[in-house]
Protein backbone atom coordinates (compact mmCIF):
# COMPACT_ATOMS: atom_id res chain seq x y z
CA MET A 1 -5.16 36.22 -34.47
CA LYS A 2 -2.20 33.80 -34.49
CA ILE A 3 -2.27 31.46 -31.58
CA ILE A 4 -0.07 29.01 -30.53
CA ALA A 5 -1.62 26.04 -28.61
CA ALA A 6 1.17 24.33 -26.74
CA PRO A 7 -0.21 22.00 -23.81
CA ASP A 8 1.20 19.17 -21.84
CA SER A 9 -0.82 15.89 -21.86
CA PHE A 10 -3.51 15.61 -19.47
CA LYS A 11 -2.15 12.78 -17.38
CA GLY A 12 -4.12 9.54 -17.59
CA ASN A 13 -6.79 11.10 -19.82
CA MET A 14 -5.55 12.77 -23.12
CA GLY A 15 -2.16 13.00 -24.86
CA ALA A 16 -0.87 16.59 -25.79
CA PRO A 17 -1.45 16.01 -29.24
CA GLU A 18 -5.38 15.41 -28.69
CA VAL A 19 -5.23 18.67 -26.20
CA SER A 20 -4.09 20.56 -28.99
CA ALA A 21 -6.32 19.37 -31.48
CA ALA A 22 -9.31 19.89 -28.66
CA ILE A 23 -8.19 23.66 -28.24
CA GLU A 24 -7.75 24.45 -31.89
CA GLU A 25 -11.37 23.00 -32.31
CA GLY A 26 -12.80 25.66 -29.80
CA ILE A 27 -10.80 28.50 -31.19
CA LEU A 28 -12.02 28.24 -34.90
CA ARG A 29 -15.60 27.75 -33.54
CA ALA A 30 -15.04 31.36 -32.28
CA ASP A 31 -13.08 32.65 -34.79
CA SER A 32 -12.91 30.65 -38.19
CA SER A 33 -10.16 33.36 -39.60
CA ALA A 34 -7.86 32.46 -36.60
CA ALA A 35 -4.39 30.88 -37.36
CA VAL A 36 -3.70 28.28 -34.99
CA TRP A 37 -0.28 26.50 -34.52
CA LYS A 38 -0.37 23.20 -32.37
CA ILE A 39 2.71 22.47 -30.65
CA PRO A 40 1.79 19.38 -28.10
CA LEU A 41 4.83 19.49 -25.43
CA ALA A 42 5.90 17.20 -22.69
CA ASP A 43 8.97 18.10 -20.13
CA GLY A 44 10.70 14.48 -19.87
CA GLY A 45 7.76 12.33 -18.97
CA GLU A 46 5.05 10.44 -20.99
CA GLY A 47 4.75 11.74 -24.63
CA THR A 48 8.58 13.22 -24.74
CA ALA A 49 9.82 11.02 -27.43
CA ARG A 50 6.90 11.34 -29.24
CA ALA A 51 6.52 14.97 -29.29
CA VAL A 52 10.39 15.33 -30.21
CA THR A 53 10.28 13.02 -32.68
CA GLU A 54 7.19 13.99 -34.63
CA ALA A 55 8.40 17.89 -34.39
CA ALA A 56 11.77 16.79 -35.81
CA GLY A 57 10.35 14.57 -38.70
CA GLY A 58 11.84 11.17 -37.23
CA ARG A 59 10.14 8.12 -36.91
CA LEU A 60 9.13 5.72 -33.77
CA VAL A 61 10.46 2.46 -33.20
CA ASP A 62 8.42 -0.24 -31.41
CA VAL A 63 10.12 -2.84 -29.37
CA THR A 64 9.16 -5.09 -26.20
CA VAL A 65 10.96 -4.91 -22.85
CA SER A 66 10.26 -5.65 -19.36
CA GLY A 67 7.85 -3.64 -17.53
CA PRO A 68 8.31 -2.27 -14.06
CA LEU A 69 6.94 -5.55 -12.52
CA GLY A 70 8.68 -7.71 -14.89
CA ASP A 71 5.64 -8.15 -17.09
CA LYS A 72 6.63 -7.88 -20.89
CA THR A 73 5.37 -4.54 -22.22
CA ARG A 74 5.30 -2.94 -25.81
CA ALA A 75 7.34 0.73 -25.46
CA SER A 76 8.83 2.78 -28.45
CA PHE A 77 11.57 5.41 -29.04
CA GLY A 78 12.19 8.03 -31.64
CA LEU A 79 15.02 8.46 -34.19
CA ILE A 80 15.99 11.84 -35.39
CA ASP A 81 18.58 13.70 -37.24
CA GLY A 82 19.07 10.86 -39.93
CA GLY A 83 18.99 8.11 -37.20
CA ARG A 84 22.19 9.59 -35.26
CA VAL A 85 19.78 10.81 -32.24
CA ALA A 86 17.47 8.58 -30.46
CA VAL A 87 14.59 9.98 -28.18
CA LEU A 88 13.49 7.75 -25.21
CA ASP A 89 10.84 8.33 -22.35
CA MET A 90 11.85 6.28 -19.53
CA ALA A 91 8.05 5.81 -18.69
CA SER A 92 7.25 4.18 -21.45
CA ALA A 93 9.51 1.06 -20.17
CA SER A 94 9.01 1.68 -16.38
CA GLY A 95 6.52 4.24 -15.84
CA LEU A 96 3.60 4.73 -13.47
CA GLU A 97 0.94 4.35 -16.08
CA LEU A 98 1.95 0.69 -16.92
CA ILE A 99 0.76 -0.44 -13.75
CA GLY A 100 -2.45 0.05 -12.11
CA ARG A 101 -2.28 1.88 -8.73
CA GLU A 102 -3.34 -1.34 -6.64
CA ARG A 103 -0.02 -2.97 -7.86
CA LEU A 104 2.43 0.33 -7.28
CA ASP A 105 5.32 -1.40 -5.25
CA PRO A 106 8.77 0.37 -5.25
CA MET A 107 10.09 -2.32 -3.40
CA LYS A 108 9.71 -4.97 -6.52
CA ALA A 109 9.51 -2.45 -9.29
CA SER A 110 12.72 -2.02 -11.40
CA SER A 111 13.82 0.09 -14.27
CA TYR A 112 15.55 -3.09 -16.01
CA GLY A 113 13.36 -2.35 -19.14
CA THR A 114 14.68 1.06 -19.32
CA GLY A 115 18.06 -0.52 -19.87
CA GLU A 116 16.77 -2.62 -22.67
CA LEU A 117 15.12 0.41 -24.15
CA ILE A 118 18.50 2.00 -24.36
CA LYS A 119 19.97 -1.35 -25.90
CA ALA A 120 17.31 -1.26 -28.30
CA ALA A 121 18.24 2.30 -29.42
CA LEU A 122 22.00 1.47 -29.63
CA ASP A 123 21.14 -1.44 -31.58
CA THR A 124 19.96 1.03 -34.34
CA GLY A 125 23.40 2.52 -34.48
CA ALA A 126 22.26 5.86 -32.54
CA ARG A 127 25.09 7.67 -30.89
CA GLU A 128 23.24 10.27 -29.30
CA LEU A 129 20.30 9.93 -26.76
CA ILE A 130 17.57 12.30 -25.19
CA ILE A 131 16.28 10.30 -22.45
CA GLY A 132 12.93 11.90 -20.52
CA ILE A 133 12.82 10.34 -16.96
CA GLY A 134 9.86 11.91 -15.76
CA GLY A 135 6.74 9.48 -14.47
CA SER A 136 8.76 6.71 -13.11
CA ALA A 137 7.22 3.94 -10.98
CA THR A 138 10.63 2.88 -9.65
CA ASN A 139 12.87 3.87 -6.78
CA ASP A 140 15.85 1.30 -7.58
CA GLY A 141 18.44 4.12 -8.32
CA GLY A 142 18.72 2.70 -11.79
CA LEU A 143 19.80 -0.61 -10.48
CA GLY A 144 17.62 -2.21 -13.28
CA MET A 145 18.83 0.13 -15.93
CA ILE A 146 22.76 -0.56 -15.42
CA SER A 147 22.13 -4.11 -14.62
CA ALA A 148 20.35 -4.43 -18.33
CA LEU A 149 23.74 -2.66 -19.58
CA GLY A 150 26.20 -4.69 -18.04
CA PHE A 151 26.89 -3.54 -14.85
CA LYS A 152 27.15 -6.02 -11.94
CA VAL A 153 25.73 -5.12 -8.58
CA LEU A 154 26.84 -7.78 -6.22
CA ASP A 155 26.26 -8.94 -2.62
CA ALA A 156 28.73 -9.91 0.22
CA GLY A 157 29.03 -13.22 -1.50
CA GLY A 158 29.69 -12.09 -4.82
CA ARG A 159 26.02 -12.82 -6.21
CA PRO A 160 23.74 -10.62 -8.15
CA VAL A 161 21.45 -8.42 -5.63
CA GLY A 162 18.48 -8.72 -7.87
CA GLN A 163 16.07 -6.11 -8.81
CA GLY A 164 13.90 -3.58 -7.08
CA GLY A 165 14.01 -1.60 -4.31
CA GLU A 166 14.28 -4.61 -1.89
CA ALA A 167 17.56 -5.34 -3.70
CA LEU A 168 19.37 -2.41 -2.81
CA GLY A 169 19.82 -3.04 0.58
CA ARG A 170 21.93 -6.43 -0.33
CA ILE A 171 24.22 -4.20 -2.12
CA ALA A 172 28.14 -4.57 -1.53
CA ARG A 173 29.98 -3.67 -4.27
CA LEU A 174 29.63 -2.78 -8.13
CA GLU A 175 31.78 -3.83 -11.16
CA SER A 176 31.61 -2.05 -14.54
CA GLY A 177 33.93 -4.10 -16.49
CA GLY A 178 31.17 -5.85 -18.28
CA ALA A 179 29.13 -2.65 -19.24
CA ASP A 180 27.79 -2.36 -23.01
CA GLY A 181 31.01 -0.97 -24.79
CA ARG A 182 29.03 0.92 -27.00
CA LEU A 183 28.29 3.18 -24.16
CA LYS A 184 31.85 4.70 -24.27
CA GLY A 185 31.63 7.87 -26.06
CA LEU A 186 27.89 7.99 -26.08
CA SER A 187 26.41 11.62 -25.69
CA ILE A 188 23.22 11.32 -23.25
CA LYS A 189 20.97 14.36 -22.64
CA VAL A 190 18.62 13.74 -19.79
CA ALA A 191 15.10 15.64 -20.09
CA CYS A 192 14.26 16.59 -16.61
CA ASP A 193 13.16 19.06 -14.36
CA VAL A 194 13.65 17.50 -10.98
CA THR A 195 16.60 19.01 -8.81
CA ASN A 196 16.57 16.68 -5.95
CA PRO A 197 19.41 15.19 -4.32
CA LEU A 198 19.75 11.33 -4.20
CA LEU A 199 19.48 11.01 -0.16
CA GLY A 200 17.80 12.48 2.62
CA PRO A 201 14.84 14.45 3.22
CA ARG A 202 14.39 16.08 -0.03
CA GLY A 203 15.85 12.95 -2.02
CA ALA A 204 14.09 10.46 -4.27
CA SER A 205 12.58 8.20 -1.60
CA ALA A 206 11.20 10.95 0.62
CA VAL A 207 9.94 13.29 -1.71
CA PHE A 208 8.38 11.13 -4.46
CA GLY A 209 8.38 7.54 -3.07
CA PRO A 210 5.07 7.86 -1.46
CA GLN A 211 3.68 8.62 -5.07
CA LYS A 212 4.65 5.10 -6.24
CA GLY A 213 3.27 3.44 -3.15
CA ALA A 214 5.92 3.67 -0.59
CA SER A 215 4.73 3.78 3.00
CA PRO A 216 6.66 5.70 5.69
CA GLU A 217 8.70 2.50 6.76
CA MET A 218 9.44 2.01 3.07
CA VAL A 219 10.94 5.26 2.79
CA LYS A 220 13.38 4.57 5.40
CA VAL A 221 14.45 1.37 3.72
CA LEU A 222 14.57 2.84 0.15
CA ASP A 223 16.72 5.57 1.39
CA ALA A 224 19.05 3.61 3.27
CA GLY A 225 19.15 1.13 0.22
CA LEU A 226 19.96 4.10 -2.01
CA ALA A 227 22.88 5.28 0.06
CA LYS A 228 24.41 1.57 0.37
CA LEU A 229 24.20 1.96 -4.02
CA ALA A 230 25.78 5.37 -3.49
CA GLN A 231 28.82 3.78 -1.85
CA ALA A 232 29.14 1.39 -4.24
CA TRP A 233 29.57 3.59 -6.97
CA ILE A 234 31.88 5.47 -5.00
CA GLY A 235 34.12 2.39 -3.99
CA ALA A 236 33.91 1.40 -7.57
CA ALA A 237 35.50 5.15 -8.50
CA LEU A 238 32.60 6.22 -10.79
CA ALA A 239 31.78 9.00 -8.56
CA GLU A 240 32.88 11.23 -5.62
CA ASP A 241 29.06 12.14 -4.39
CA THR A 242 25.60 11.97 -5.11
CA ASP A 243 24.62 15.22 -4.32
CA GLN A 244 24.03 16.84 -7.68
CA PRO A 245 20.93 18.32 -8.55
CA GLY A 246 18.49 15.87 -10.47
CA ASP A 247 20.41 12.69 -9.01
CA GLY A 248 17.03 12.11 -7.21
CA ALA A 249 14.66 11.97 -10.19
CA ALA A 250 13.09 9.08 -11.39
CA GLY A 251 13.71 7.34 -8.03
CA GLY A 252 17.53 7.81 -8.50
CA LEU A 253 17.85 7.08 -12.20
CA GLY A 254 19.13 10.49 -12.42
CA ALA A 255 22.04 9.63 -10.35
CA ALA A 256 22.95 6.43 -12.48
CA LEU A 257 22.70 8.33 -15.76
CA ARG A 258 25.03 10.96 -14.34
CA ILE A 259 27.35 8.67 -12.72
CA CYS A 260 27.45 5.49 -14.91
CA LEU A 261 26.50 6.68 -18.46
CA GLY A 262 28.17 10.19 -18.17
CA ALA A 263 24.65 11.86 -18.80
CA VAL A 264 24.06 15.59 -18.57
CA MET A 265 20.88 16.74 -17.16
CA GLU A 266 19.03 19.31 -19.15
CA SER A 267 15.34 21.14 -18.63
CA GLY A 268 13.06 18.70 -20.05
CA ALA A 269 10.59 21.47 -20.91
CA MET A 270 13.01 24.01 -22.21
CA LEU A 271 14.49 20.93 -24.60
CA VAL A 272 11.15 19.63 -25.91
CA MET A 273 10.18 23.19 -26.66
CA LYS A 274 13.53 23.79 -28.46
CA TYR A 275 13.03 20.53 -30.62
CA ALA A 276 9.33 21.51 -31.17
CA HIS A 277 10.07 24.67 -32.61
CA PHE A 278 8.22 26.64 -30.14
CA PHE A 279 10.50 29.55 -30.13
CA ASP A 280 10.68 29.75 -33.86
CA ARG A 281 6.73 30.33 -33.57
CA LEU A 282 6.96 32.65 -30.92
CA PRO A 283 7.52 36.04 -32.29
CA GLY A 284 4.69 35.81 -34.58
CA ALA A 285 1.94 34.61 -31.88
CA ASP A 286 -0.77 37.29 -30.67
CA LEU A 287 -1.31 34.45 -27.86
CA VAL A 288 -0.03 31.58 -26.17
CA ILE A 289 -2.53 28.75 -24.90
CA THR A 290 -1.19 25.99 -22.48
CA GLY A 291 -2.88 23.28 -20.61
CA GLU A 292 -2.31 20.21 -18.05
CA GLY A 293 -4.20 17.95 -16.24
CA MET A 294 -4.17 19.36 -12.89
CA THR A 295 -2.43 22.78 -11.54
CA ASP A 296 -1.20 22.95 -8.44
CA SER A 297 1.76 24.41 -6.33
CA GLN A 298 4.23 22.34 -8.30
CA THR A 299 3.12 24.05 -11.45
CA ALA A 300 4.85 27.28 -10.70
CA GLY A 301 7.99 25.34 -9.34
CA GLY A 302 9.20 24.63 -13.09
CA LYS A 303 6.61 22.52 -14.69
CA LEU A 304 5.92 22.46 -18.28
CA CYS A 305 3.07 24.99 -18.14
CA SER A 306 4.87 27.45 -16.21
CA VAL A 307 7.90 27.25 -18.45
CA VAL A 308 5.89 28.10 -21.46
CA ALA A 309 4.37 30.98 -19.72
CA ARG A 310 7.82 32.48 -18.73
CA GLU A 311 9.04 32.25 -22.07
CA ALA A 312 5.93 33.77 -23.65
CA ARG A 313 5.85 36.56 -21.14
CA LYS A 314 9.64 37.24 -22.18
CA ALA A 315 8.45 37.89 -25.54
CA GLY A 316 5.53 40.13 -24.62
CA ILE A 317 2.89 37.46 -25.65
CA PRO A 318 -0.17 36.82 -23.25
CA VAL A 319 -0.52 33.68 -22.18
CA ALA A 320 -3.57 31.37 -21.02
CA LEU A 321 -4.13 27.95 -18.82
CA LEU A 322 -6.58 25.67 -19.46
CA SER A 323 -6.28 23.17 -16.88
CA GLY A 324 -8.48 20.10 -15.77
CA GLY A 325 -8.60 21.56 -12.03
CA LEU A 326 -6.97 24.75 -10.46
CA GLY A 327 -5.48 24.14 -6.88
CA GLY A 328 -2.86 26.08 -4.78
CA ASP A 329 -2.71 29.68 -4.17
CA ALA A 330 -4.45 31.97 -6.79
CA ALA A 331 -1.90 34.79 -6.54
CA GLU A 332 0.64 32.51 -7.14
CA LEU A 333 -1.06 31.11 -10.30
CA PHE A 334 -1.43 34.69 -11.80
CA ARG A 335 2.20 35.44 -11.38
CA SER A 336 2.62 33.12 -13.97
CA PHE A 337 -0.40 33.27 -16.05
CA ASP A 338 -2.43 36.00 -17.79
CA TYR A 339 -5.73 33.98 -17.51
CA ALA A 340 -6.16 30.57 -15.68
CA VAL A 341 -9.63 28.37 -15.82
CA SER A 342 -10.64 24.93 -14.98
CA ILE A 343 -12.29 23.56 -17.74
CA ALA A 344 -14.53 21.34 -15.43
CA CYS A 345 -18.29 22.07 -16.03
CA GLY A 346 -19.81 21.03 -12.97
CA GLN A 347 -19.51 17.07 -13.18
CA ILE A 348 -19.46 14.92 -9.89
CA GLY A 349 -16.49 12.73 -10.12
CA LEU A 350 -13.28 12.38 -11.74
CA ASP A 351 -14.92 9.61 -13.98
CA ALA A 352 -17.13 11.97 -15.27
CA MET A 353 -14.99 14.83 -15.74
CA ILE A 354 -12.71 12.54 -17.55
CA ARG A 355 -15.36 11.40 -19.83
CA ASP A 356 -16.36 14.97 -20.99
CA SER A 357 -12.81 16.18 -20.89
CA ARG A 358 -11.94 16.90 -24.65
CA ARG A 359 -15.82 18.66 -25.23
CA ASP A 360 -14.82 20.67 -21.81
CA LEU A 361 -11.49 21.72 -23.31
CA SER A 362 -12.74 22.85 -26.70
CA LEU A 363 -15.19 24.68 -24.79
CA ALA A 364 -12.99 26.62 -22.48
CA ALA A 365 -10.77 27.49 -25.78
CA GLU A 366 -13.90 28.78 -27.54
CA ASN A 367 -15.05 30.85 -24.30
CA LEU A 368 -11.53 32.26 -24.28
CA ILE A 369 -11.52 33.72 -27.64
CA ARG A 370 -15.34 35.07 -27.68
CA ALA A 371 -14.23 36.70 -24.23
CA ILE A 372 -11.19 38.14 -26.27
CA ARG A 373 -13.49 39.23 -29.57
CA ILE A 374 -15.92 40.84 -26.81
CA GLY A 375 -13.10 43.00 -25.59
CA SER A 376 -11.66 43.69 -28.86
CA THR A 377 -15.02 45.32 -30.12
CA GLY A 378 -14.37 48.28 -27.84
CA SER A 379 -17.69 48.61 -26.12
CA ILE A 380 -16.57 46.59 -22.94
CA GLY A 381 -12.91 47.39 -23.20
CA ASN A 382 -13.48 51.06 -23.36
CA ARG A 383 -15.78 50.95 -20.20
CA LEU A 384 -13.21 49.15 -18.28
CA GLY A 385 -10.17 51.41 -19.23
CA GLY A 386 -8.12 48.29 -21.10
CA ALA A 387 -7.20 44.82 -19.74
CA PRO A 388 -6.57 44.92 -16.17
CA GLY A 389 -2.98 43.92 -15.19
CA ALA A 390 -1.79 43.95 -19.16
CA ALA A 391 1.62 46.26 -18.13
CA GLU A 392 2.54 43.87 -15.63
CA SER A 393 1.72 40.55 -17.18
CA GLY A 394 3.87 41.66 -20.46
CA GLY A 395 0.67 41.53 -22.67
CA ARG A 396 0.87 43.51 -25.95
CA GLN A 397 -0.11 47.27 -26.01
């Protein structure tokens, strides 16, 4: 049996490489003859740079940047294709996981460190950037990032407006003449699966602001502030609108990357899967196993695991989901996956589930393969008349 283990990370718990390793351990306990291809994945959030860099045989570079609340933090980016291409995670400089939930504050959080990360990549001579922008702690419209890159965002008196979401409301105009000259001719791909616009009820503040600590009142203030930033971009002749899909990603960083840096949005999941050679392995596989920390209604809307499932099914290969927890509509879940299970083994409380997650994940993988082997003996399979739904799911005949 040839199996692809292609999971996302279990956020706040295990990175995708550790998840892949745990799945492999369980598979091999059940079937020591199985061939397991471990392909750790990401969709533009934390782990994207590492996944792409390791798959491409590149190297990681550590730097010190400003965290979302100004504290100095260690971040990293990857260099691939002989150093011509740099791969960055916005989350490593300006991400949610850099600050505790009790410190979340989108009025103060800044993307300045992301700008510093970009400058560090340019310092190496890279002329193409791949930037994953998932997992942000910011709602500043990329104000911090462009400030770090030399753009001047000024108030009515011609003074810099400062940093964080609270500074957006002071914006009067923007000057781009002092922007880092290395940005000219730079090719930037943004790994992102968010399609929200910058403003309004589907915009950055309304949809994602609460996840970053925004109260209902803050959401209104932040949305109004982003509208001021949008007008400044338009006034500086950098943009005609801020309604493009993905402009609202990462608290508006998507708009800043497109408008100020000429970036192009790509599916984060598909981009990482391509660099990680998922599609090269797929034709020879008998089964694909993916996984994530929590499955809910957002998964089927384009999250990494559903993209893995979609591409596997296109190739006629069954796909199994091993998740830390299952939520949402079961019927919707099985429209994406041939098999789906929560790995939790009856623990009470999130801390206990996290503590035992590697063991539970490995056990879930082992049980899956044992069930497949029982079916392949023919005794149960013949009694049931074959695997239910195999034709509909695209499973091999």
